[in-house]
C-alpha atoms as a PDB file:
ATOM      1  CA  UNK A   1      -1.482  12.769   3.275  1.00  0.00           C
ATOM      2  CA  UNK A   2      -5.126  13.205   3.396  1.00  0.00           C
ATOM      3  CA  UNK A   3      -6.223  14.811   6.975  1.00  0.00           C
ATOM      4  CA  UNK A   4      -9.277  12.777   7.578  1.00  0.00           C
ATOM      5  CA  UNK A   5      -7.946   9.219   6.972  1.00  0.00           C
ATOM      6  CA  UNK A   6      -7.171   6.742   9.711  1.00  0.00           C
ATOM      7  CA  UNK A   7      -5.083   4.154   7.738  1.00  0.00           C
ATOM      8  CA  UNK A   8      -3.379   2.682  10.813  1.00  0.00           C
ATOM      9  CA  UNK A   9      -6.653   0.982  11.875  1.00  0.00           C
ATOM     10  CA  UNK A  10      -7.020  -0.831   8.606  1.00  0.00           C
ATOM     11  CA  UNK A  11      -5.442  -4.086   7.655  1.00  0.00           C
ATOM     12  CA  UNK A  12      -2.970  -4.356   4.697  1.00  0.00           C
ATOM     13  CA  UNK A  13      -5.588  -6.280   2.548  1.00  0.00           C
ATOM     14  CA  UNK A  14      -8.294  -3.585   3.317  1.00  0.00           C
ATOM     15  CA  UNK A  15      -6.130  -0.828   2.217  1.00  0.00           C
ATOM     16  CA  UNK A  16      -5.255  -3.002  -1.096  1.00  0.00           C
ATOM     17  CA  UNK A  17      -8.994  -3.222  -1.741  1.00  0.00           C
ATOM     18  CA  UNK A  18      -9.636   0.518  -1.329  1.00  0.00           C
ATOM     19  CA  UNK A  19      -6.867   1.280  -3.611  1.00  0.00           C
ATOM     20  CA  UNK A  20      -8.273  -0.931  -6.260  1.00  0.00           C
ATOM     21  CA  UNK A  21     -11.778   0.428  -5.792  1.00  0.00           C
ATOM     22  CA  UNK A  22     -10.584   4.104  -5.875  1.00  0.00           C
ATOM     23  CA  UNK A  23      -8.473   3.589  -8.849  1.00  0.00           C
ATOM     24  CA  UNK A  24     -11.416   2.087 -10.741  1.00  0.00           C
ATOM     25  CA  UNK A  25     -13.694   4.968  -9.610  1.00  0.00           C
ATOM     26  CA  UNK A  26     -11.202   7.617 -10.570  1.00  0.00           C
ATOM     27  CA  UNK A  27     -11.736   6.973 -14.302  1.00  0.00           C
ATOM     28  CA  UNK A  28     -15.500   6.993 -13.917  1.00  0.00           C
ATOM     29  CA  UNK A  29     -15.882  10.524 -12.416  1.00  0.00           C
ATOM     30  CA  UNK A  30     -15.531  13.655 -14.515  1.00  0.00           C
ATOM     31  CA  UNK A  31     -15.522  16.037 -11.580  1.00  0.00           C
ATOM     32  CA  UNK A  32     -12.013  17.287 -11.011  1.00  0.00           C
ATOM     33  CA  UNK A  33     -12.434  18.380  -7.616  1.00  0.00           C
ATOM     34  CA  UNK A  34     -13.389  14.764  -6.699  1.00  0.00           C
ATOM     35  CA  UNK A  35     -10.598  13.434  -8.684  1.00  0.00           C
ATOM     36  CA  UNK A  36      -8.161  15.679  -6.723  1.00  0.00           C
ATOM     37  CA  UNK A  37      -9.513  14.322  -3.311  1.00  0.00           C
ATOM     38  CA  UNK A  38      -9.313  10.798  -4.583  1.00  0.00           C
ATOM     39  CA  UNK A  39      -5.638  11.263  -5.669  1.00  0.00           C
ATOM     40  CA  UNK A  40      -4.825  12.474  -2.018  1.00  0.00           C
ATOM     41  CA  UNK A  41      -6.539   9.426  -0.658  1.00  0.00           C
ATOM     42  CA  UNK A  42      -4.824   7.185  -2.926  1.00  0.00           C
ATOM     43  CA  UNK A  43      -1.494   8.585  -2.298  1.00  0.00           C
ATOM     44  CA  UNK A  44      -2.195   8.233   1.562  1.00  0.00           C
ATOM     45  CA  UNK A  45      -3.113   4.560   1.160  1.00  0.00           C
ATOM     46  CA  UNK A  46      -0.119   3.849  -1.164  1.00  0.00           C
ATOM     47  CA  UNK A  47       2.435   5.525   1.299  1.00  0.00           C
ATOM     48  CA  UNK A  48       0.969   3.318   4.011  1.00  0.00           C
ATOM     49  CA  UNK A  49       1.233   0.322   2.023  1.00  0.00           C
ATOM     50  CA  UNK A  50       4.783   1.077   1.089  1.00  0.00           C
ATOM     51  CA  UNK A  51       5.772   1.847   4.804  1.00  0.00           C
ATOM     52  CA  UNK A  52       4.145  -1.587   5.889  1.00  0.00           C
ATOM     53  CA  UNK A  53       6.078  -3.547   3.316  1.00  0.00           C
ATOM     54  CA  UNK A  54       9.436  -1.587   4.159  1.00  0.00           C
ATOM     55  CA  UNK A  55       8.706  -2.519   7.874  1.00  0.00           C
ATOM     56  CA  UNK A  56       8.091  -6.111   6.960  1.00  0.00           C
ATOM     57  CA  UNK A  57      11.083  -6.315   4.920  1.00  0.00           C
ATOM     58  CA  UNK A  58      13.232  -4.939   7.834  1.00  0.00           C
ATOM     59  CA  UNK A  59      11.778  -7.502  10.217  1.00  0.00           C
ATOM     60  CA  UNK A  60      12.632 -10.444   7.870  1.00  0.00           C
ATOM     61  CA  UNK A  61      16.074  -9.205   7.238  1.00  0.00           C
ATOM     62  CA  UNK A  62      16.709  -8.715  10.860  1.00  0.00           C
ATOM     63  CA  UNK A  63      15.267 -12.380  11.694  1.00  0.00           C
ATOM     64  CA  UNK A  64      17.491 -13.847   8.852  1.00  0.00           C
ATOM     65  CA  UNK A  65      14.585 -14.784   6.698  1.00  0.00           C
ATOM     66  CA  UNK A  66      15.648 -12.652   3.778  1.00  0.00           C
ATOM     67  CA  UNK A  67      18.393 -15.260   2.785  1.00  0.00           C
ATOM     68  CA  UNK A  68      18.361 -16.303  -0.888  1.00  0.00           C
ATOM     69  CA  UNK A  69      20.547 -19.327  -0.147  1.00  0.00           C
ATOM     70  CA  UNK A  70      17.619 -21.558   0.156  1.00  0.00           C
ATOM     71  CA  UNK A  71      15.947 -20.447  -3.074  1.00  0.00           C
ATOM     72  CA  UNK A  72      19.098 -21.299  -5.276  1.00  0.00           C
ATOM     73  CA  UNK A  73      19.999 -24.994  -5.153  1.00  0.00           C
ATOM     74  CA  UNK A  74      22.829 -26.095  -7.002  1.00  0.00           C
ATOM     75  CA  UNK A  75      23.359 -29.904  -7.316  1.00  0.00           C
END
């Protein structure tokens, strides 16, 4: 985790945009120190996204909205 990031205050879409931007900038720079910092930031963002998605999945499963019966219709 990168020590200077506050990812909790960002929305999911903001984090996704930042990940895309950082991934594209990563290949532009040749400075290895900057690349290492970018990797730390990217990892922090990706971990937060994963945690949010898992939490959303748990909420859907708890509410019974994770049911596949409505997706598969046999007639």
